[in-house]
N, C-alpha and C. Protein backbone atom coordinates (compact mmCIF):
# COMPACT_ATOMS: atom_id res chain seq x y z
N MET A 1 1.00 -1.33 -0.04
CA MET A 1 -0.13 0.00 0.11
C MET A 1 0.93 1.11 -0.04
N PRO A 2 0.58 2.34 -0.86
CA PRO A 2 1.46 3.46 -0.94
C PRO A 2 1.24 4.33 0.18
N LYS A 3 2.49 5.06 0.64
CA LYS A 3 2.06 6.15 1.81
C LYS A 3 1.65 7.28 1.46
N ARG A 4 0.87 7.84 2.35
CA ARG A 4 0.17 8.96 2.33
C ARG A 4 1.09 10.39 2.00
N ILE A 5 0.98 11.16 0.94
CA ILE A 5 1.56 12.30 0.89
C ILE A 5 0.52 13.42 1.15
N LEU A 6 0.76 14.64 2.06
CA LEU A 6 0.14 15.65 2.36
C LEU A 6 0.67 16.83 2.23
N GLN A 7 -0.14 17.79 1.99
CA GLN A 7 0.70 19.31 1.79
C GLN A 7 0.04 20.25 2.58
N GLY A 8 0.95 21.10 3.41
CA GLY A 8 0.26 22.13 4.44
C GLY A 8 1.24 23.07 5.02
N VAL A 9 1.18 23.95 5.91
CA VAL A 9 1.74 25.12 6.22
C VAL A 9 2.07 24.38 7.80
N VAL A 10 3.60 24.95 7.93
CA VAL A 10 4.05 24.90 9.13
C VAL A 10 3.48 25.90 10.06
N THR A 11 2.88 25.37 11.15
CA THR A 11 2.35 26.35 12.17
C THR A 11 3.34 26.58 13.68
N SER A 12 4.21 25.31 13.61
CA SER A 12 5.18 25.52 14.83
C SER A 12 6.45 24.89 14.41
N ALA A 13 7.40 25.25 14.80
CA ALA A 13 8.65 24.77 14.69
C ALA A 13 9.66 24.83 16.23
N ALA A 14 8.68 24.90 17.06
CA ALA A 14 9.36 25.35 18.58
C ALA A 14 10.06 24.08 18.89
N ASN A 15 9.77 22.85 18.70
CA ASN A 15 10.55 21.49 19.42
C ASN A 15 11.58 21.16 18.17
N GLU A 16 12.44 20.64 19.11
CA GLU A 16 13.55 20.07 18.20
C GLU A 16 13.14 19.28 17.28
N GLN A 17 13.49 19.30 16.12
CA GLN A 17 13.33 17.90 15.11
C GLN A 17 12.14 17.88 14.77
N THR A 18 11.31 18.76 15.11
CA THR A 18 9.51 18.57 15.00
C THR A 18 8.94 19.65 14.45
N VAL A 19 8.14 19.73 13.65
CA VAL A 19 7.29 20.70 12.93
C VAL A 19 5.89 20.37 13.23
N THR A 20 4.90 21.26 13.36
CA THR A 20 3.72 21.02 13.60
C THR A 20 2.98 21.61 11.99
N VAL A 21 2.40 20.72 11.22
CA VAL A 21 1.79 20.92 10.16
C VAL A 21 0.44 20.98 9.95
N SER A 22 -0.43 22.17 9.56
CA SER A 22 -1.57 22.30 9.56
C SER A 22 -2.12 21.91 7.97
N VAL A 23 -2.87 20.72 7.98
CA VAL A 23 -3.45 20.43 6.48
C VAL A 23 -4.58 20.59 6.38
N GLU A 24 -5.08 21.51 5.40
CA GLU A 24 -6.57 21.92 4.92
C GLU A 24 -7.06 21.09 3.93
N ARG A 25 -8.30 20.60 4.05
CA ARG A 25 -8.85 19.94 2.87
C ARG A 25 -10.28 20.59 2.55
N ARG A 26 -10.76 20.57 1.65
CA ARG A 26 -11.78 21.19 0.91
C ARG A 26 -13.10 20.15 0.79
N PHE A 27 -13.97 20.09 0.75
CA PHE A 27 -15.00 19.13 0.16
C PHE A 27 -16.43 19.91 0.16
N LYS A 28 -17.35 19.37 -0.45
CA LYS A 28 -18.65 20.05 -0.82
C LYS A 28 -19.34 19.29 0.41
N HIS A 29 -20.28 19.79 1.15
CA HIS A 29 -21.13 19.38 2.06
C HIS A 29 -22.44 18.51 1.29
N PRO A 30 -22.50 17.18 1.64
CA PRO A 30 -23.54 16.29 1.41
C PRO A 30 -24.87 16.88 0.91
N LEU A 31 -25.34 17.64 2.23
CA LEU A 31 -26.76 18.19 1.80
C LEU A 31 -26.97 19.51 1.33
N LEU A 32 -26.02 20.37 1.99
CA LEU A 32 -26.04 21.87 1.89
C LEU A 32 -25.11 22.23 0.59
N GLN A 33 -24.73 21.26 -0.16
CA GLN A 33 -23.95 21.60 -1.33
C GLN A 33 -22.98 22.85 -1.09
N LYS A 34 -22.45 22.96 0.06
CA LYS A 34 -21.54 24.34 0.54
C LYS A 34 -20.23 23.58 0.39
N THR A 35 -19.15 24.49 -0.09
CA THR A 35 -17.90 24.03 0.34
C THR A 35 -17.52 24.38 1.65
N VAL A 36 -17.11 23.11 2.42
CA VAL A 36 -16.48 23.31 3.84
C VAL A 36 -14.99 22.90 3.60
N ARG A 37 -14.48 23.63 4.52
CA ARG A 37 -12.95 23.84 4.93
C ARG A 37 -12.68 23.00 6.24
N LYS A 38 -11.92 22.12 6.31
CA LYS A 38 -11.51 21.47 7.55
C LYS A 38 -10.32 21.40 7.57
N SER A 39 -9.53 21.53 8.74
CA SER A 39 -7.90 21.43 8.85
C SER A 39 -7.54 20.49 9.88
N LYS A 40 -6.49 20.04 9.91
CA LYS A 40 -6.28 18.96 10.96
C LYS A 40 -4.61 19.19 11.30
N LYS A 41 -3.92 19.06 12.62
CA LYS A 41 -2.43 19.41 12.53
C LYS A 41 -1.95 18.02 12.66
N TYR A 42 -0.71 17.78 12.10
CA TYR A 42 0.05 16.60 12.15
C TYR A 42 1.46 17.20 12.79
N ARG A 43 2.02 16.25 13.31
CA ARG A 43 3.32 16.35 13.87
C ARG A 43 4.30 15.64 13.00
N ALA A 44 5.51 16.24 12.77
CA ALA A 44 6.31 15.62 11.50
C ALA A 44 7.46 15.88 12.00
N HIS A 45 8.36 14.91 11.58
CA HIS A 45 9.81 14.90 12.34
C HIS A 45 10.68 15.61 10.91
N ASP A 46 11.58 16.55 11.54
CA ASP A 46 12.22 17.45 10.58
C ASP A 46 13.84 17.34 10.94
N GLU A 47 14.42 16.30 10.54
CA GLU A 47 15.80 16.06 10.79
C GLU A 47 16.86 17.25 11.34
N LYS A 48 16.64 18.29 10.15
CA LYS A 48 17.66 18.96 10.22
C LYS A 48 17.23 20.49 10.74
N ASN A 49 15.97 20.47 11.40
CA ASN A 49 15.37 21.70 11.87
C ASN A 49 15.48 22.62 10.50
N ALA A 50 15.20 22.23 9.39
CA ALA A 50 15.26 23.16 8.23
C ALA A 50 13.92 24.22 8.05
N PHE A 51 13.14 23.96 8.46
CA PHE A 51 11.52 24.86 8.05
C PHE A 51 11.13 25.43 9.48
N LYS A 52 10.53 26.38 9.11
CA LYS A 52 10.15 27.64 10.15
C LYS A 52 8.67 27.92 9.88
N ALA A 53 8.09 28.45 10.78
CA ALA A 53 6.47 28.78 10.74
C ALA A 53 6.37 29.43 9.50
N GLY A 54 5.40 29.06 8.84
CA GLY A 54 4.85 29.84 7.52
C GLY A 54 5.37 29.00 6.14
N ASP A 55 6.25 28.02 6.36
CA ASP A 55 6.65 27.52 5.28
C ASP A 55 5.75 26.51 4.86
N THR A 56 5.63 25.86 3.45
CA THR A 56 4.73 25.26 2.96
C THR A 56 5.52 23.95 2.69
N VAL A 57 5.05 22.94 3.24
CA VAL A 57 5.92 21.53 3.01
C VAL A 57 4.81 20.56 2.91
N ARG A 58 5.69 19.26 2.27
CA ARG A 58 5.11 18.04 1.93
C ARG A 58 5.27 17.02 3.04
N ILE A 59 4.19 16.20 3.52
CA ILE A 59 4.55 15.34 4.59
C ILE A 59 4.42 13.86 4.07
N ILE A 60 4.89 12.89 4.64
CA ILE A 60 4.70 11.38 4.04
C ILE A 60 4.81 10.68 5.35
N GLU A 61 3.83 9.66 5.22
CA GLU A 61 3.80 8.71 6.66
C GLU A 61 4.96 7.90 6.77
N CYS A 62 5.26 7.56 7.81
CA CYS A 62 6.49 6.93 8.25
C CYS A 62 6.08 6.05 9.44
N ALA A 63 6.91 5.20 9.77
CA ALA A 63 7.09 4.15 11.29
C ALA A 63 6.82 5.35 12.22
N PRO A 64 6.07 5.03 13.39
CA PRO A 64 6.26 5.72 14.54
C PRO A 64 7.80 6.35 15.06
N LYS A 65 7.97 7.60 15.28
CA LYS A 65 9.19 8.13 15.33
C LYS A 65 9.07 8.41 17.05
N SER A 66 8.04 8.82 17.32
CA SER A 66 7.65 9.19 19.01
C SER A 66 6.27 8.71 19.33
N LYS A 67 5.86 9.42 20.45
CA LYS A 67 4.35 8.91 20.87
C LYS A 67 3.32 9.63 19.92
N THR A 68 4.02 10.85 19.37
CA THR A 68 2.89 11.73 18.60
C THR A 68 3.25 11.83 16.95
N LYS A 69 4.49 11.28 16.85
CA LYS A 69 5.09 11.73 15.16
C LYS A 69 4.86 10.34 14.63
N ARG A 70 4.10 10.42 13.54
CA ARG A 70 3.82 9.38 12.63
C ARG A 70 4.12 9.69 11.33
N TRP A 71 4.87 11.08 10.99
CA TRP A 71 4.84 11.70 9.70
C TRP A 71 6.37 12.41 9.44
N GLU A 72 6.83 12.60 8.49
CA GLU A 72 8.32 13.22 8.21
C GLU A 72 8.19 13.94 7.09
N VAL A 73 9.08 15.24 7.28
CA VAL A 73 8.90 16.19 6.32
C VAL A 73 9.53 15.56 4.87
N LEU A 74 8.87 15.61 3.61
CA LEU A 74 9.42 14.90 2.20
C LEU A 74 10.02 16.35 1.66
N GLU A 75 9.68 17.43 1.53
CA GLU A 75 10.44 18.56 1.13
C GLU A 75 9.63 19.75 1.17
N GLY A 76 10.14 20.78 0.99
CA GLY A 76 9.69 22.20 1.33
C GLY A 76 8.88 23.01 0.26
């Protein structure tokens, strides 16, 4: 099964080797037919501390790195 790749914006880079990425998805509401925006935050592994808040990054699924990290930064 292929690994999922998501694109989002870094909201926090306060922790060592970790960034918090906010991923937004848009879909049409089934009954109201209105476009709805939902966002979810993922904690991703950033080996070199290369990214800061506001950067757009792509993250990929990986084996668990810690209690909360199951993603790693693919590219900026």
